[in-house]
C-alpha cells in the first residue's frame, strides 16, 4: 500500500511553496501530491486570476476530495492557512 501525503498550499501561494516539504517526504518514501488550488496555478508574480472572486472554500474542498478519491489508500493531509479549512 502506498503512503500518500497531500500538501495543500494557502491563499496567495501555489504548489511551489510546498517544494521543501515535498522533498522531505519523498526522501522518506512517501508519494507526494501538491495540487494547486483552483486558480492558483499561475506565476506567483502574475496578477490574481479573476476567477478567484467566484470561488469558495467549498469549491476547493470539492476539488481536493476528487483528488483523494483517486488514491489507493487514505492519505495524510497537510494544509497551510486556508488549506487547513479545506
PDB file of N, CA and C in Angstrom:
ATOM      1  N   UNK A   1       0.848  -1.177   0.000  1.00  0.00           N
ATOM      2  CA  UNK A   1       0.000   0.000   0.000  1.00  0.00           C
ATOM      3  C   UNK A   1       0.897   1.246   0.000  1.00  0.00           C
ATOM      4  N   UNK A   2       0.564   2.194  -0.829  1.00  0.00           N
ATOM      5  CA  UNK A   2       1.338   3.410  -0.980  1.00  0.00           C
ATOM      6  C   UNK A   2       1.071   4.369   0.174  1.00  0.00           C
ATOM      7  N   UNK A   3       2.133   5.028   0.651  1.00  0.00           N
ATOM      8  CA  UNK A   3       1.979   6.083   1.647  1.00  0.00           C
ATOM      9  C   UNK A   3       1.844   7.402   0.891  1.00  0.00           C
ATOM     10  N   UNK A   4       0.652   7.967   0.919  1.00  0.00           N
ATOM     11  CA  UNK A   4       0.379   9.230   0.234  1.00  0.00           C
ATOM     12  C   UNK A   4       0.359  10.366   1.242  1.00  0.00           C
ATOM     13  N   UNK A   5       0.884  11.511   0.832  1.00  0.00           N
ATOM     14  CA  UNK A   5       0.701  12.748   1.578  1.00  0.00           C
ATOM     15  C   UNK A   5       0.300  13.823   0.585  1.00  0.00           C
ATOM     16  N   UNK A   6      -0.713  14.595   0.959  1.00  0.00           N
ATOM     17  CA  UNK A   6      -1.203  15.679   0.123  1.00  0.00           C
ATOM     18  C   UNK A   6      -0.847  16.984   0.830  1.00  0.00           C
ATOM     19  N   UNK A   7      -0.029  17.788   0.172  1.00  0.00           N
ATOM     20  CA  UNK A   7       0.425  19.067   0.718  1.00  0.00           C
ATOM     21  C   UNK A   7      -0.337  20.179   0.010  1.00  0.00           C
ATOM     22  N   UNK A   8      -1.180  20.876   0.753  1.00  0.00           N
ATOM     23  CA  UNK A   8      -2.060  21.882   0.151  1.00  0.00           C
ATOM     24  C   UNK A   8      -1.599  23.270   0.598  1.00  0.00           C
ATOM     25  N   UNK A   9      -1.305  24.102  -0.353  1.00  0.00           N
ATOM     26  CA  UNK A   9      -0.833  25.463  -0.078  1.00  0.00           C
ATOM     27  C   UNK A   9      -1.972  26.360   0.392  1.00  0.00           C
ATOM     28  N   UNK A  10      -1.607  27.520   0.893  1.00  0.00           N
ATOM     29  CA  UNK A  10      -2.584  28.506   1.330  1.00  0.00           C
ATOM     30  C   UNK A  10      -2.931  29.497   0.236  1.00  0.00           C
ATOM     31  N   UNK A  11      -3.713  30.509   0.628  1.00  0.00           N
ATOM     32  CA  UNK A  11      -4.089  31.574  -0.304  1.00  0.00           C
ATOM     33  C   UNK A  11      -2.848  32.379  -0.676  1.00  0.00           C
ATOM     34  N   UNK A  12      -2.898  33.019  -1.816  1.00  0.00           N
ATOM     35  CA  UNK A  12      -1.798  33.849  -2.299  1.00  0.00           C
ATOM     36  C   UNK A  12      -0.505  33.054  -2.468  1.00  0.00           C
ATOM     37  N   UNK A  13      -0.647  31.753  -2.740  1.00  0.00           N
ATOM     38  CA  UNK A  13       0.506  30.877  -2.921  1.00  0.00           C
ATOM     39  C   UNK A  13       0.161  29.850  -3.991  1.00  0.00           C
ATOM     40  N   UNK A  14       1.016  28.862  -4.118  1.00  0.00           N
ATOM     41  CA  UNK A  14       0.799  27.784  -5.075  1.00  0.00           C
ATOM     42  C   UNK A  14       1.605  26.584  -4.640  1.00  0.00           C
ATOM     43  N   UNK A  15       1.562  25.515  -5.415  1.00  0.00           N
ATOM     44  CA  UNK A  15       2.305  24.303  -5.056  1.00  0.00           C
ATOM     45  C   UNK A  15       3.791  24.547  -4.826  1.00  0.00           C
ATOM     46  N   UNK A  16       4.339  25.565  -5.463  1.00  0.00           N
ATOM     47  CA  UNK A  16       5.764  25.888  -5.314  1.00  0.00           C
ATOM     48  C   UNK A  16       6.159  26.116  -3.861  1.00  0.00           C
ATOM     49  N   UNK A  17       5.233  26.592  -3.033  1.00  0.00           N
ATOM     50  CA  UNK A  17       5.603  26.889  -1.643  1.00  0.00           C
ATOM     51  C   UNK A  17       5.734  25.616  -0.803  1.00  0.00           C
ATOM     52  N   UNK A  18       5.365  24.479  -1.359  1.00  0.00           N
ATOM     53  CA  UNK A  18       5.458  23.206  -0.637  1.00  0.00           C
ATOM     54  C   UNK A  18       6.645  22.364  -1.099  1.00  0.00           C
ATOM     55  N   UNK A  19       7.506  22.919  -1.950  1.00  0.00           N
ATOM     56  CA  UNK A  19       8.605  22.140  -2.530  1.00  0.00           C
ATOM     57  C   UNK A  19       9.542  21.539  -1.482  1.00  0.00           C
ATOM     58  N   UNK A  20       9.909  22.299  -0.466  1.00  0.00           N
ATOM     59  CA  UNK A  20      10.819  21.766   0.558  1.00  0.00           C
ATOM     60  C   UNK A  20      10.172  20.614   1.326  1.00  0.00           C
ATOM     61  N   UNK A  21       8.903  20.791   1.691  1.00  0.00           N
ATOM     62  CA  UNK A  21       8.185  19.718   2.380  1.00  0.00           C
ATOM     63  C   UNK A  21       8.071  18.488   1.489  1.00  0.00           C
ATOM     64  N   UNK A  22       7.769  18.713   0.209  1.00  0.00           N
ATOM     65  CA  UNK A  22       7.627  17.601  -0.731  1.00  0.00           C
ATOM     66  C   UNK A  22       8.910  16.794  -0.805  1.00  0.00           C
ATOM     67  N   UNK A  23      10.042  17.475  -0.904  1.00  0.00           N
ATOM     68  CA  UNK A  23      11.329  16.778  -0.946  1.00  0.00           C
ATOM     69  C   UNK A  23      11.595  15.984   0.318  1.00  0.00           C
ATOM     70  N   UNK A  24      11.261  16.574   1.459  1.00  0.00           N
ATOM     71  CA  UNK A  24      11.444  15.899   2.744  1.00  0.00           C
ATOM     72  C   UNK A  24      10.697  14.568   2.760  1.00  0.00           C
ATOM     73  N   UNK A  25       9.425  14.597   2.355  1.00  0.00           N
ATOM     74  CA  UNK A  25       8.619  13.383   2.396  1.00  0.00           C
ATOM     75  C   UNK A  25       9.008  12.388   1.297  1.00  0.00           C
ATOM     76  N   UNK A  26       9.322  12.874   0.111  1.00  0.00           N
ATOM     77  CA  UNK A  26       9.763  11.964  -0.953  1.00  0.00           C
ATOM     78  C   UNK A  26      11.021  11.208  -0.532  1.00  0.00           C
ATOM     79  N   UNK A  27      11.949  11.901   0.111  1.00  0.00           N
ATOM     80  CA  UNK A  27      13.186  11.267   0.570  1.00  0.00           C
ATOM     81  C   UNK A  27      12.927  10.162   1.585  1.00  0.00           C
ATOM     82  N   UNK A  28      11.755  10.157   2.166  1.00  0.00           N
ATOM     83  CA  UNK A  28      11.395   9.162   3.174  1.00  0.00           C
ATOM     84  C   UNK A  28      10.384   8.141   2.648  1.00  0.00           C
ATOM     85  N   UNK A  29      10.229   8.086   1.320  1.00  0.00           N
ATOM     86  CA  UNK A  29       9.421   7.045   0.707  1.00  0.00           C
ATOM     87  C   UNK A  29       7.954   7.350   0.495  1.00  0.00           C
ATOM     88  N   UNK A  30       7.541   8.574   0.730  1.00  0.00           N
ATOM     89  CA  UNK A  30       6.137   8.933   0.533  1.00  0.00           C
ATOM     90  C   UNK A  30       5.876   9.295  -0.930  1.00  0.00           C
ATOM     91  N   UNK A  31       4.658   9.047  -1.373  1.00  0.00           N
ATOM     92  CA  UNK A  31       4.183   9.574  -2.642  1.00  0.00           C
ATOM     93  C   UNK A  31       3.542  10.913  -2.314  1.00  0.00           C
ATOM     94  N   UNK A  32       4.091  11.971  -2.879  1.00  0.00           N
ATOM     95  CA  UNK A  32       3.693  13.332  -2.523  1.00  0.00           C
ATOM     96  C   UNK A  32       2.818  13.935  -3.620  1.00  0.00           C
ATOM     97  N   UNK A  33       1.727  14.556  -3.189  1.00  0.00           N
ATOM     98  CA  UNK A  33       0.831  15.271  -4.099  1.00  0.00           C
ATOM     99  C   UNK A  33       0.796  16.725  -3.655  1.00  0.00           C
ATOM    100  N   UNK A  34       1.029  17.638  -4.590  1.00  0.00           N
ATOM    101  CA  UNK A  34       0.987  19.068  -4.292  1.00  0.00           C
ATOM    102  C   UNK A  34       0.047  19.751  -5.282  1.00  0.00           C
ATOM    103  N   UNK A  35      -1.252  19.562  -5.098  1.00  0.00           N
ATOM    104  CA  UNK A  35      -2.196  20.147  -6.051  1.00  0.00           C
ATOM    105  C   UNK A  35      -2.252  21.668  -5.924  1.00  0.00           C
ATOM    106  N   UNK A  36      -2.583  22.310  -7.011  1.00  0.00           N
ATOM    107  CA  UNK A  36      -2.833  23.756  -6.997  1.00  0.00           C
ATOM    108  C   UNK A  36      -4.316  23.956  -6.696  1.00  0.00           C
ATOM    109  N   UNK A  37      -4.596  24.798  -5.719  1.00  0.00           N
ATOM    110  CA  UNK A  37      -5.989  25.171  -5.523  1.00  0.00           C
ATOM    111  C   UNK A  37      -6.473  25.873  -6.785  1.00  0.00           C
ATOM    112  N   UNK A  38      -7.747  25.778  -7.015  1.00  0.00           N
ATOM    113  CA  UNK A  38      -8.338  26.361  -8.216  1.00  0.00           C
ATOM    114  C   UNK A  38      -7.895  27.823  -8.394  1.00  0.00           C
ATOM    115  N   UNK A  39      -7.428  28.138  -9.582  1.00  0.00           N
ATOM    116  CA  UNK A  39      -6.954  29.482  -9.970  1.00  0.00           C
ATOM    117  C   UNK A  39      -5.670  29.905  -9.258  1.00  0.00           C
ATOM    118  N   UNK A  40      -4.922  28.958  -8.711  1.00  0.00           N
ATOM    119  CA  UNK A  40      -3.664  29.269  -8.037  1.00  0.00           C
ATOM    120  C   UNK A  40      -2.464  28.650  -8.752  1.00  0.00           C
ATOM    121  N   UNK A  41      -2.598  28.355 -10.028  1.00  0.00           N
ATOM    122  CA  UNK A  41      -1.511  27.686 -10.733  1.00  0.00           C
ATOM    123  C   UNK A  41      -0.739  28.615 -11.670  1.00  0.00           C
ATOM    124  N   UNK A  42      -0.882  29.912 -11.468  1.00  0.00           N
ATOM    125  CA  UNK A  42      -0.186  30.882 -12.325  1.00  0.00           C
ATOM    126  C   UNK A  42       1.165  31.259 -11.721  1.00  0.00           C
ATOM    127  N   UNK A  43       1.915  32.010 -12.473  1.00  0.00           N
ATOM    128  CA  UNK A  43       3.184  32.555 -11.998  1.00  0.00           C
ATOM    129  C   UNK A  43       2.920  33.378 -10.736  1.00  0.00           C
ATOM    130  N   UNK A  44       3.702  33.180  -9.680  1.00  0.00           N
ATOM    131  CA  UNK A  44       3.479  33.919  -8.434  1.00  0.00           C
ATOM    132  C   UNK A  44       3.532  35.446  -8.597  1.00  0.00           C
ATOM    133  N   UNK A  45       4.193  35.925  -9.655  1.00  0.00           N
ATOM    134  CA  UNK A  45       4.287  37.368  -9.877  1.00  0.00           C
ATOM    135  C   UNK A  45       3.144  37.915 -10.729  1.00  0.00           C
ATOM    136  N   UNK A  46       2.298  37.027 -11.248  1.00  0.00           N
ATOM    137  CA  UNK A  46       1.189  37.442 -12.112  1.00  0.00           C
ATOM    138  C   UNK A  46       0.046  38.022 -11.272  1.00  0.00           C
ATOM    139  N   UNK A  47      -0.785  38.784 -11.925  1.00  0.00           N
ATOM    140  CA  UNK A  47      -1.992  39.296 -11.264  1.00  0.00           C
ATOM    141  C   UNK A  47      -2.902  38.122 -10.892  1.00  0.00           C
ATOM    142  N   UNK A  48      -3.649  38.227  -9.794  1.00  0.00           N
ATOM    143  CA  UNK A  48      -4.563  37.143  -9.420  1.00  0.00           C
ATOM    144  C   UNK A  48      -5.590  36.863 -10.513  1.00  0.00           C
ATOM    145  N   UNK A  49      -5.945  35.610 -10.659  1.00  0.00           N
ATOM    146  CA  UNK A  49      -6.938  35.204 -11.653  1.00  0.00           C
ATOM    147  C   UNK A  49      -8.299  35.775 -11.248  1.00  0.00           C
ATOM    148  N   UNK A  50      -9.049  36.373 -12.179  1.00  0.00           N
ATOM    149  CA  UNK A  50     -10.371  36.915 -11.861  1.00  0.00           C
ATOM    150  C   UNK A  50     -11.353  35.847 -11.373  1.00  0.00           C
ATOM    151  N   UNK A  51     -11.088  34.591 -11.703  1.00  0.00           N
ATOM    152  CA  UNK A  51     -11.965  33.513 -11.256  1.00  0.00           C
ATOM    153  C   UNK A  51     -11.991  33.348  -9.746  1.00  0.00           C
ATOM    154  N   UNK A  52     -11.004  33.895  -9.074  1.00  0.00           N
ATOM    155  CA  UNK A  52     -10.966  33.796  -7.612  1.00  0.00           C
ATOM    156  C   UNK A  52     -12.162  34.468  -6.956  1.00  0.00           C
ATOM    157  N   UNK A  53     -12.719  35.474  -7.596  1.00  0.00           N
ATOM    158  CA  UNK A  53     -13.828  36.205  -6.980  1.00  0.00           C
ATOM    159  C   UNK A  53     -15.077  35.350  -6.842  1.00  0.00           C
ATOM    160  N   UNK A  54     -15.216  34.326  -7.657  1.00  0.00           N
ATOM    161  CA  UNK A  54     -16.404  33.464  -7.621  1.00  0.00           C
ATOM    162  C   UNK A  54     -16.103  32.076  -7.072  1.00  0.00           C
ATOM    163  N   UNK A  55     -14.976  31.913  -6.405  1.00  0.00           N
ATOM    164  CA  UNK A  55     -14.559  30.601  -5.911  1.00  0.00           C
ATOM    165  C   UNK A  55     -14.669  30.577  -4.395  1.00  0.00           C
ATOM    166  N   UNK A  56     -15.246  29.499  -3.875  1.00  0.00           N
ATOM    167  CA  UNK A  56     -15.435  29.383  -2.431  1.00  0.00           C
ATOM    168  C   UNK A  56     -14.539  28.290  -1.848  1.00  0.00           C
ATOM    169  N   UNK A  57     -14.448  28.272  -0.543  1.00  0.00           N
ATOM    170  CA  UNK A  57     -13.712  27.214   0.144  1.00  0.00           C
ATOM    171  C   UNK A  57     -14.339  25.864  -0.187  1.00  0.00           C
ATOM    172  N   UNK A  58     -15.648  25.820  -0.347  1.00  0.00           N
ATOM    173  CA  UNK A  58     -16.323  24.569  -0.718  1.00  0.00           C
ATOM    174  C   UNK A  58     -15.848  24.085  -2.089  1.00  0.00           C
ATOM    175  N   UNK A  59     -15.606  24.999  -3.017  1.00  0.00           N
ATOM    176  CA  UNK A  59     -15.065  24.608  -4.331  1.00  0.00           C
ATOM    177  C   UNK A  59     -13.704  23.953  -4.165  1.00  0.00           C
ATOM    178  N   UNK A  60     -12.853  24.556  -3.345  1.00  0.00           N
ATOM    179  CA  UNK A  60     -11.531  23.977  -3.095  1.00  0.00           C
ATOM    180  C   UNK A  60     -11.672  22.603  -2.448  1.00  0.00           C
ATOM    181  N   UNK A  61     -12.552  22.490  -1.474  1.00  0.00           N
ATOM    182  CA  UNK A  61     -12.745  21.210  -0.783  1.00  0.00           C
ATOM    183  C   UNK A  61     -13.216  20.137  -1.757  1.00  0.00           C
ATOM    184  N   UNK A  62     -14.127  20.484  -2.651  1.00  0.00           N
ATOM    185  CA  UNK A  62     -14.595  19.516  -3.645  1.00  0.00           C
ATOM    186  C   UNK A  62     -13.470  19.085  -4.580  1.00  0.00           C
ATOM    187  N   UNK A  63     -12.628  20.023  -4.982  1.00  0.00           N
ATOM    188  CA  UNK A  63     -11.502  19.689  -5.856  1.00  0.00           C
ATOM    189  C   UNK A  63     -10.534  18.729  -5.163  1.00  0.00           C
ATOM    190  N   UNK A  64     -10.233  18.994  -3.899  1.00  0.00           N
ATOM    191  CA  UNK A  64      -9.320  18.128  -3.155  1.00  0.00           C
ATOM    192  C   UNK A  64      -9.963  16.769  -2.913  1.00  0.00           C
ATOM    193  N   UNK A  65     -11.249  16.749  -2.597  1.00  0.00           N
ATOM    194  CA  UNK A  65     -11.953  15.476  -2.385  1.00  0.00           C
ATOM    195  C   UNK A  65     -11.877  14.608  -3.635  1.00  0.00           C
ATOM    196  N   UNK A  66     -12.011  15.218  -4.792  1.00  0.00           N
ATOM    197  CA  UNK A  66     -11.917  14.467  -6.054  1.00  0.00           C
ATOM    198  C   UNK A  66     -10.531  13.850  -6.201  1.00  0.00           C
ATOM    199  N   UNK A  67      -9.506  14.600  -5.866  1.00  0.00           N
ATOM    200  CA  UNK A  67      -8.140  14.068  -5.920  1.00  0.00           C
ATOM    201  C   UNK A  67      -7.996  12.885  -4.962  1.00  0.00           C
ATOM    202  N   UNK A  68      -8.479  13.033  -3.748  1.00  0.00           N
ATOM    203  CA  UNK A  68      -8.332  11.989  -2.728  1.00  0.00           C
ATOM    204  C   UNK A  68      -9.041  10.702  -3.120  1.00  0.00           C
ATOM    205  N   UNK A  69     -10.172  10.814  -3.766  1.00  0.00           N
ATOM    206  CA  UNK A  69     -10.936   9.628  -4.169  1.00  0.00           C
ATOM    207  C   UNK A  69     -10.176   8.784  -5.183  1.00  0.00           C
ATOM    208  N   UNK A  70      -9.233   9.375  -5.882  1.00  0.00           N
ATOM    209  CA  UNK A  70      -8.457   8.639  -6.872  1.00  0.00           C
ATOM    210  C   UNK A  70      -7.239   7.926  -6.306  1.00  0.00           C
ATOM    211  N   UNK A  71      -6.973   8.090  -5.012  1.00  0.00           N
ATOM    212  CA  UNK A  71      -5.802   7.453  -4.400  1.00  0.00           C
ATOM    213  C   UNK A  71      -6.136   6.039  -3.947  1.00  0.00           C
ATOM    214  N   UNK A  72      -5.126   5.174  -3.869  1.00  0.00           N
ATOM    215  CA  UNK A  72      -5.363   3.776  -3.497  1.00  0.00           C
ATOM    216  C   UNK A  72      -5.325   3.524  -1.991  1.00  0.00           C
ATOM    217  N   UNK A  73      -5.056   4.555  -1.197  1.00  0.00           N
ATOM    218  CA  UNK A  73      -5.089   4.432   0.263  1.00  0.00           C
ATOM    219  C   UNK A  73      -5.359   5.813   0.849  1.00  0.00           C
ATOM    220  N   UNK A  74      -5.746   5.810   2.119  1.00  0.00           N
ATOM    221  CA  UNK A  74      -6.020   7.087   2.775  1.00  0.00           C
ATOM    222  C   UNK A  74      -4.720   7.857   2.944  1.00  0.00           C
ATOM    223  N   UNK A  75      -4.727   9.151   2.580  1.00  0.00           N
ATOM    224  CA  UNK A  75      -3.506   9.946   2.687  1.00  0.00           C
ATOM    225  C   UNK A  75      -3.420  10.700   4.009  1.00  0.00           C
ATOM    226  N   UNK A  76      -2.238  11.182   4.278  1.00  0.00           N
ATOM    227  CA  UNK A  76      -2.037  12.216   5.278  1.00  0.00           C
ATOM    228  C   UNK A  76      -2.254  13.522   4.530  1.00  0.00           C
ATOM    229  N   UNK A  77      -2.954  14.452   5.147  1.00  0.00           N
ATOM    230  CA  UNK A  77      -3.210  15.745   4.506  1.00  0.00           C
ATOM    231  C   UNK A  77      -2.586  16.831   5.368  1.00  0.00           C
ATOM    232  N   UNK A  78      -1.765  17.650   4.745  1.00  0.00           N
ATOM    233  CA  UNK A  78      -1.142  18.771   5.435  1.00  0.00           C
ATOM    234  C   UNK A  78      -1.536  20.029   4.686  1.00  0.00           C
ATOM    235  N   UNK A  79      -2.264  20.904   5.368  1.00  0.00           N
ATOM    236  CA  UNK A  79      -2.705  22.124   4.742  1.00  0.00           C
ATOM    237  C   UNK A  79      -2.173  23.352   5.439  1.00  0.00           C
ATOM    238  N   UNK A  80      -1.770  24.346   4.660  1.00  0.00           N
ATOM    239  CA  UNK A  80      -1.259  25.597   5.206  1.00  0.00           C
ATOM    240  C   UNK A  80      -2.354  26.670   5.125  1.00  0.00           C
ATOM    241  N   UNK A  81      -2.581  27.373   6.223  1.00  0.00           N
ATOM    242  CA  UNK A  81      -3.508  28.503   6.286  1.00  0.00           C
ATOM    243  C   UNK A  81      -4.922  28.092   5.830  1.00  0.00           C
ATOM    244  N   UNK A  82      -5.441  28.706   4.794  1.00  0.00           N
ATOM    245  CA  UNK A  82      -6.810  28.415   4.345  1.00  0.00           C
ATOM    246  C   UNK A  82      -6.978  26.949   3.978  1.00  0.00           C
ATOM    247  N   UNK A  83      -5.907  26.290   3.589  1.00  0.00           N
ATOM    248  CA  UNK A  83      -5.992  24.871   3.237  1.00  0.00           C
ATOM    249  C   UNK A  83      -6.333  24.011   4.455  1.00  0.00           C
ATOM    250  N   UNK A  84      -6.076  24.519   5.658  1.00  0.00           N
ATOM    251  CA  UNK A  84      -6.493  23.813   6.855  1.00  0.00           C
ATOM    252  C   UNK A  84      -8.011  23.735   6.951  1.00  0.00           C
ATOM    253  N   UNK A  85      -8.684  24.726   6.429  1.00  0.00           N
ATOM    254  CA  UNK A  85     -10.144  24.715   6.388  1.00  0.00           C
ATOM    255  C   UNK A  85     -10.629  23.755   5.305  1.00  0.00           C
ATOM    256  N   UNK A  86      -9.943  23.765   4.184  1.00  0.00           N
ATOM    257  CA  UNK A  86     -10.302  22.893   3.066  1.00  0.00           C
ATOM    258  C   UNK A  86     -10.258  21.455   3.536  1.00  0.00           C
TER     259      UNK A  86
END
